[in-house]
Amino acid sequence: MSVWRPWDADDDEHAERLVIRDLIPDSMRAAVRAWLRNELDSGYNTDERLVTMIQSALRVNFGFPPGRVETGALVGRIEESGDKFVVRVLDLFLSEYSPVPWDGSTPEPVADIEWHFDQNMSAACVRLESGVYRIARRLPQGVEEAAHEAVATANEIAGRHLLKAWTEARSLTPDTSAVMTEGIRAVEAAAGSVLTPKDRKPSLGKIVGALRDQPEWTLVLATRDDGHPDHRLILIGMLETLAFAEQHRHSGKDPSETECLTHVQLASTLVAWFSAGSVVQKPMSV
């Protein structure tokens, strides 16, 4: 993604343009309206088939009589339902598109609305998922790259769980508990293969116990002559943070979207460290 930079924009203005904004920023509303009209219009009217498709998929009733519907009226009814609903309609129509078969390129309608999402730095973006285009939550620059790197370098089991966690975290209405569960399973698979390799069912509790019982485990990073910062304690603290979050979610209140995103970012860091050989055994000084 590349956000257009005006020729006279200084660094501060450009940095402001890179800040993630609302789901549908005001500067994007006309583009969304035009895109919907193009998808729905068949000569100033929308076929009843499309109207009923939206109603069934999103479980709503617009209240129109049977037959074709004036496209402007339908778009207006969609917009009246709020930005989140509008984006769900966009998601529904985008999911009907796949990459162009002969060259793998993005279909023009998809590329068009994707460009507007990116240039307006909407809180949502368009991404390819399971062979079709979908709406997803936009991540801050650098976070997505770090997530991909953590998934790519992890062992198969850890990578699979971490990918599930990130995929769910990026949805517009994430199952925050599922994000946390998959993140923890990813860490258990990555850390367990290093700290408790003979355990076929590693858990965070066992992994933390191994770190406590074997003080030679630490990070590959250097420390001061007095042994600080204590990287083993940092690892234990990070692992216990994940474990506590897992216990807290059973209190009856679902974790917030911010909590689950923070959780999966922490899990990704730990998976990356254990997968890259950053957690090592150093001989104890006598």
Protein backbone atom coordinates (compact mmCIF):
# COMPACT_ATOMS: atom_id res chain seq x y z
CA MET A 1 0.00 0.00 0.00
CA SER A 2 1.28 3.45 -0.91
CA VAL A 3 -0.56 6.57 0.24
CA TRP A 4 -0.28 9.40 -2.28
CA ARG A 5 1.84 12.31 -1.07
CA PRO A 6 1.08 15.84 -2.37
CA TRP A 7 4.11 17.47 -3.96
CA ASP A 8 4.27 20.18 -1.28
CA ALA A 9 3.46 18.04 1.79
CA ASP A 10 6.07 18.16 4.54
CA ASP A 11 6.91 15.14 6.68
CA ASP A 12 4.47 16.14 9.43
CA GLU A 13 1.56 16.42 7.01
CA HIS A 14 2.43 13.13 5.35
CA ALA A 15 2.69 11.42 8.75
CA GLU A 16 -0.79 12.73 9.56
CA ARG A 17 -2.08 11.26 6.30
CA LEU A 18 -0.79 7.84 7.40
CA VAL A 19 -2.84 7.79 10.61
CA ILE A 20 -5.61 5.17 10.57
CA ARG A 21 -8.99 6.88 10.59
CA ASP A 22 -12.68 5.98 10.81
CA LEU A 23 -14.28 3.02 9.07
CA ILE A 24 -15.64 5.34 6.37
CA PRO A 25 -13.97 8.77 6.60
CA ASP A 26 -16.08 11.64 5.26
CA SER A 27 -13.67 12.07 2.34
CA MET A 28 -14.49 8.51 1.25
CA ARG A 29 -18.30 8.55 1.39
CA ALA A 30 -18.85 9.69 -2.19
CA ALA A 31 -16.52 6.95 -3.48
CA VAL A 32 -18.35 4.27 -1.48
CA ARG A 33 -21.72 5.52 -2.68
CA ALA A 34 -20.57 5.49 -6.32
CA TRP A 35 -19.09 2.00 -5.96
CA LEU A 36 -22.30 0.62 -4.49
CA ARG A 37 -24.35 2.19 -7.28
CA ASN A 38 -22.11 0.58 -9.90
CA GLU A 39 -22.46 -2.83 -8.26
CA LEU A 40 -26.22 -2.54 -7.81
CA ASP A 41 -27.36 -0.58 -10.84
CA SER A 42 -28.88 -2.21 -13.89
CA GLY A 43 -30.45 0.77 -15.61
CA TYR A 44 -31.40 3.03 -12.65
CA ASN A 45 -32.88 0.02 -10.87
CA THR A 46 -31.58 -2.94 -8.89
CA ASP A 47 -32.72 -6.46 -9.65
CA GLU A 48 -34.83 -8.06 -6.95
CA ARG A 49 -32.26 -10.88 -6.83
CA LEU A 50 -29.56 -8.51 -5.52
CA VAL A 51 -31.92 -6.94 -3.00
CA THR A 52 -32.91 -10.31 -1.58
CA MET A 53 -29.27 -11.48 -1.61
CA ILE A 54 -28.28 -8.58 0.64
CA GLN A 55 -31.27 -9.12 2.90
CA SER A 56 -30.61 -12.84 3.32
CA ALA A 57 -26.83 -12.57 3.75
CA LEU A 58 -27.04 -9.73 6.29
CA ARG A 59 -30.38 -10.80 7.77
CA VAL A 60 -32.21 -7.53 7.28
CA ASN A 61 -35.47 -6.45 5.67
CA PHE A 62 -35.38 -3.18 3.77
CA GLY A 63 -39.15 -3.18 3.46
CA PHE A 64 -39.28 -2.71 -0.31
CA PRO A 65 -42.22 -4.26 -2.20
CA PRO A 66 -41.44 -7.23 -4.49
CA GLY A 67 -39.76 -6.41 -7.79
CA ARG A 68 -37.00 -4.11 -8.94
CA VAL A 69 -35.91 -1.31 -6.62
CA GLU A 70 -34.70 2.17 -7.55
CA THR A 71 -30.94 2.00 -6.98
CA GLY A 72 -30.65 5.39 -5.31
CA ALA A 73 -33.33 4.43 -2.79
CA LEU A 74 -31.56 1.15 -2.01
CA VAL A 75 -28.19 2.84 -1.53
CA GLY A 76 -29.85 5.40 0.72
CA ARG A 77 -31.43 2.65 2.83
CA ILE A 78 -28.04 0.94 3.13
CA GLU A 79 -26.35 4.18 4.24
CA GLU A 80 -29.09 4.87 6.78
CA SER A 81 -28.15 1.62 8.51
CA GLY A 82 -24.74 2.99 9.53
CA ASP A 83 -21.13 2.70 8.44
CA LYS A 84 -20.61 -0.78 9.86
CA PHE A 85 -23.55 -2.07 7.82
CA VAL A 86 -22.32 -0.28 4.69
CA VAL A 87 -18.93 -1.98 5.02
CA ARG A 88 -20.63 -5.34 5.48
CA VAL A 89 -22.45 -4.78 2.19
CA LEU A 90 -19.12 -3.92 0.56
CA ASP A 91 -17.65 -7.09 2.05
CA LEU A 92 -20.53 -9.14 0.65
CA PHE A 93 -20.03 -7.86 -2.90
CA LEU A 94 -16.24 -8.07 -2.71
CA SER A 95 -16.52 -11.74 -1.72
CA GLU A 96 -18.01 -12.39 -5.18
CA TYR A 97 -14.67 -11.44 -6.78
CA SER A 98 -11.55 -13.57 -7.27
CA PRO A 99 -8.23 -12.70 -8.92
CA VAL A 100 -8.32 -12.64 -12.73
CA PRO A 101 -7.68 -16.29 -13.74
CA TRP A 102 -5.17 -15.75 -16.55
CA ASP A 103 -2.80 -13.35 -14.82
CA GLY A 104 -3.79 -13.26 -11.14
CA SER A 105 -4.40 -9.52 -11.22
CA THR A 106 -6.98 -7.73 -9.09
CA PRO A 107 -10.33 -7.12 -10.84
CA GLU A 108 -10.89 -3.44 -11.64
CA PRO A 109 -13.88 -2.92 -9.29
CA VAL A 110 -11.91 -4.42 -6.39
CA ALA A 111 -8.81 -2.34 -7.18
CA ASP A 112 -10.99 0.76 -7.35
CA ILE A 113 -12.54 0.50 -3.88
CA GLU A 114 -9.27 -0.83 -2.42
CA TRP A 115 -7.52 2.34 -3.60
CA HIS A 116 -10.07 4.52 -1.81
CA PHE A 117 -9.76 2.51 1.41
CA ASP A 118 -5.98 2.92 1.30
CA GLN A 119 -5.81 6.58 0.30
CA ASN A 120 -8.27 7.54 3.04
CA MET A 121 -6.49 5.31 5.58
CA SER A 122 -9.80 3.75 6.56
CA ALA A 123 -9.83 1.51 9.62
CA ALA A 124 -10.68 -1.25 7.14
CA CYS A 125 -8.86 -2.50 4.07
CA VAL A 126 -9.34 -5.02 1.26
CA ARG A 127 -7.38 -8.27 1.34
CA LEU A 128 -7.36 -11.59 -0.48
CA GLU A 129 -8.55 -14.42 1.75
CA SER A 130 -9.13 -18.03 0.67
CA GLY A 131 -9.20 -17.02 -2.98
CA VAL A 132 -11.75 -14.20 -2.69
CA TYR A 133 -11.58 -10.56 -1.66
CA ARG A 134 -12.80 -9.53 1.78
CA ILE A 135 -12.85 -6.54 4.07
CA ALA A 136 -10.41 -6.76 6.98
CA ARG A 137 -9.26 -4.58 9.85
CA ARG A 138 -6.31 -2.37 8.90
CA LEU A 139 -3.21 -2.89 10.99
CA PRO A 140 -0.64 -0.17 11.70
CA GLN A 141 2.30 -0.14 9.30
CA GLY A 142 4.91 -2.67 10.35
CA VAL A 143 2.56 -4.79 12.45
CA GLU A 144 1.28 -6.86 9.53
CA GLU A 145 4.81 -7.44 8.24
CA ALA A 146 5.90 -8.61 11.70
CA ALA A 147 2.90 -10.94 11.89
CA HIS A 148 3.70 -12.50 8.50
CA GLU A 149 7.33 -12.97 9.54
CA ALA A 150 6.36 -14.66 12.80
CA VAL A 151 3.98 -17.03 11.00
CA ALA A 152 6.51 -17.83 8.27
CA THR A 153 9.37 -18.66 10.65
CA ALA A 154 7.35 -20.70 13.16
CA ASN A 155 7.05 -24.47 13.15
CA GLU A 156 3.99 -25.85 11.37
CA ILE A 157 1.75 -26.15 14.43
CA ALA A 158 2.69 -22.77 15.91
CA GLY A 159 2.37 -21.08 12.53
CA ARG A 160 -1.07 -22.56 11.95
CA HIS A 161 -2.39 -21.34 15.30
CA LEU A 162 -0.81 -17.92 14.92
CA LEU A 163 -2.29 -17.51 11.45
CA LYS A 164 -5.73 -18.36 12.83
CA ALA A 165 -5.27 -15.79 15.59
CA TRP A 166 -4.28 -13.01 13.19
CA THR A 167 -7.00 -13.88 10.68
CA GLU A 168 -9.65 -13.64 13.39
CA ALA A 169 -8.11 -10.48 14.88
CA ARG A 170 -8.32 -8.75 11.50
CA SER A 171 -12.03 -9.43 10.99
CA LEU A 172 -14.42 -6.52 11.50
CA THR A 173 -16.16 -8.34 14.36
CA PRO A 174 -13.44 -10.58 15.83
CA ASP A 175 -14.10 -13.37 18.28
CA THR A 176 -11.67 -11.93 20.83
CA SER A 177 -11.64 -15.06 22.98
CA ALA A 178 -10.73 -17.20 19.97
CA VAL A 179 -7.89 -14.81 19.12
CA MET A 180 -6.42 -15.23 22.60
CA THR A 181 -6.84 -19.01 22.58
CA GLU A 182 -5.11 -19.43 19.22
CA GLY A 183 -2.33 -17.02 20.23
CA ILE A 184 -1.61 -19.04 23.36
CA ARG A 185 -1.63 -22.32 21.44
CA ALA A 186 0.89 -20.83 19.02
CA VAL A 187 3.21 -19.85 21.86
CA GLU A 188 2.82 -23.25 23.54
CA ALA A 189 3.80 -24.98 20.29
CA ALA A 190 6.79 -22.70 19.63
CA ALA A 191 8.11 -22.46 23.19
CA GLY A 192 7.30 -26.06 24.07
CA SER A 193 9.52 -27.39 21.28
CA VAL A 194 12.43 -25.48 22.84
CA LEU A 195 11.86 -25.67 26.60
CA THR A 196 9.86 -28.89 27.03
CA PRO A 197 10.63 -30.84 23.83
CA LYS A 198 9.61 -34.23 25.27
CA ASP A 199 6.21 -33.00 26.40
CA ARG A 200 3.57 -33.88 23.80
CA LYS A 201 1.07 -31.49 25.39
CA PRO A 202 3.01 -28.34 26.31
CA SER A 203 1.22 -25.66 28.30
CA LEU A 204 2.14 -22.16 29.39
CA GLY A 205 2.30 -23.35 32.99
CA LYS A 206 4.83 -26.06 32.16
CA ILE A 207 6.84 -23.68 29.99
CA VAL A 208 7.03 -21.04 32.72
CA GLY A 209 7.96 -23.79 35.19
CA ALA A 210 10.83 -24.89 32.95
CA LEU A 211 12.13 -21.33 32.80
CA ARG A 212 11.95 -20.98 36.58
CA ASP A 213 13.68 -24.32 37.21
CA GLN A 214 16.44 -23.80 34.65
CA PRO A 215 17.96 -20.34 35.17
CA GLU A 216 20.42 -20.80 32.30
CA TRP A 217 17.62 -20.05 29.81
CA THR A 218 17.73 -16.48 28.57
CA LEU A 219 17.63 -14.33 25.46
CA VAL A 220 20.58 -14.15 23.10
CA LEU A 221 20.83 -10.41 23.82
CA ALA A 222 23.64 -8.99 25.93
CA THR A 223 23.23 -7.80 29.52
CA ARG A 224 25.21 -5.54 31.81
CA ASP A 225 27.97 -6.93 34.03
CA ASP A 226 25.50 -7.13 36.92
CA GLY A 227 23.22 -9.40 34.86
CA HIS A 228 20.55 -6.83 34.17
CA PRO A 229 18.18 -6.68 32.49
CA ASP A 230 17.28 -10.23 33.48
CA HIS A 231 16.00 -11.59 30.18
CA ARG A 232 14.75 -14.83 31.74
CA LEU A 233 12.44 -12.84 34.01
CA ILE A 234 11.32 -10.79 31.02
CA LEU A 235 10.36 -14.00 29.21
CA ILE A 236 8.53 -15.29 32.27
CA GLY A 237 6.67 -12.00 32.60
CA MET A 238 5.58 -12.05 28.97
CA LEU A 239 4.41 -15.66 29.20
CA GLU A 240 2.54 -15.00 32.45
CA THR A 241 0.88 -11.98 30.85
CA LEU A 242 -0.56 -14.26 28.17
CA ALA A 243 -1.60 -16.83 30.77
CA PHE A 244 -3.33 -14.26 32.97
CA ALA A 245 -5.22 -12.84 30.00
CA GLU A 246 -6.41 -16.37 29.20
CA GLN A 247 -7.64 -16.85 32.77
CA HIS A 248 -9.24 -13.39 32.90
CA ARG A 249 -11.34 -14.02 29.80
CA HIS A 250 -13.14 -16.81 31.68
CA SER A 251 -14.47 -14.22 34.14
CA GLY A 252 -17.55 -13.77 31.95
CA LYS A 253 -16.56 -10.59 30.13
CA ASP A 254 -15.21 -10.92 26.60
CA PRO A 255 -11.83 -9.25 26.00
CA SER A 256 -11.96 -5.98 24.10
CA GLU A 257 -10.70 -5.77 20.52
CA THR A 258 -7.72 -3.73 21.75
CA GLU A 259 -6.90 -6.40 24.34
CA CYS A 260 -7.03 -9.21 21.80
CA LEU A 261 -4.86 -7.29 19.32
CA THR A 262 -2.29 -6.58 22.05
CA HIS A 263 -2.43 -10.25 23.05
CA VAL A 264 -1.75 -11.58 19.55
CA GLN A 265 1.07 -9.06 19.04
CA LEU A 266 2.71 -10.30 22.25
CA ALA A 267 2.16 -13.90 21.18
CA SER A 268 3.74 -13.15 17.80
CA THR A 269 6.84 -11.72 19.44
CA LEU A 270 7.26 -14.80 21.61
CA VAL A 271 6.67 -17.18 18.70
CA ALA A 272 9.23 -15.27 16.64
CA TRP A 273 11.83 -15.38 19.43
CA PHE A 274 11.46 -19.10 20.12
CA SER A 275 11.37 -19.94 16.40
CA ALA A 276 14.41 -17.84 15.50
CA GLY A 277 16.65 -19.30 18.20
CA SER A 278 16.59 -16.10 20.24
CA VAL A 279 15.93 -18.07 23.44
CA VAL A 280 19.12 -19.92 24.38
CA GLN A 281 20.85 -21.72 27.22
CA LYS A 282 23.88 -19.88 28.50
CA PRO A 283 26.38 -21.45 30.89
CA MET A 284 25.97 -20.19 34.43
CA SER A 285 28.87 -18.12 35.73
CA VAL A 286 30.67 -19.69 38.64
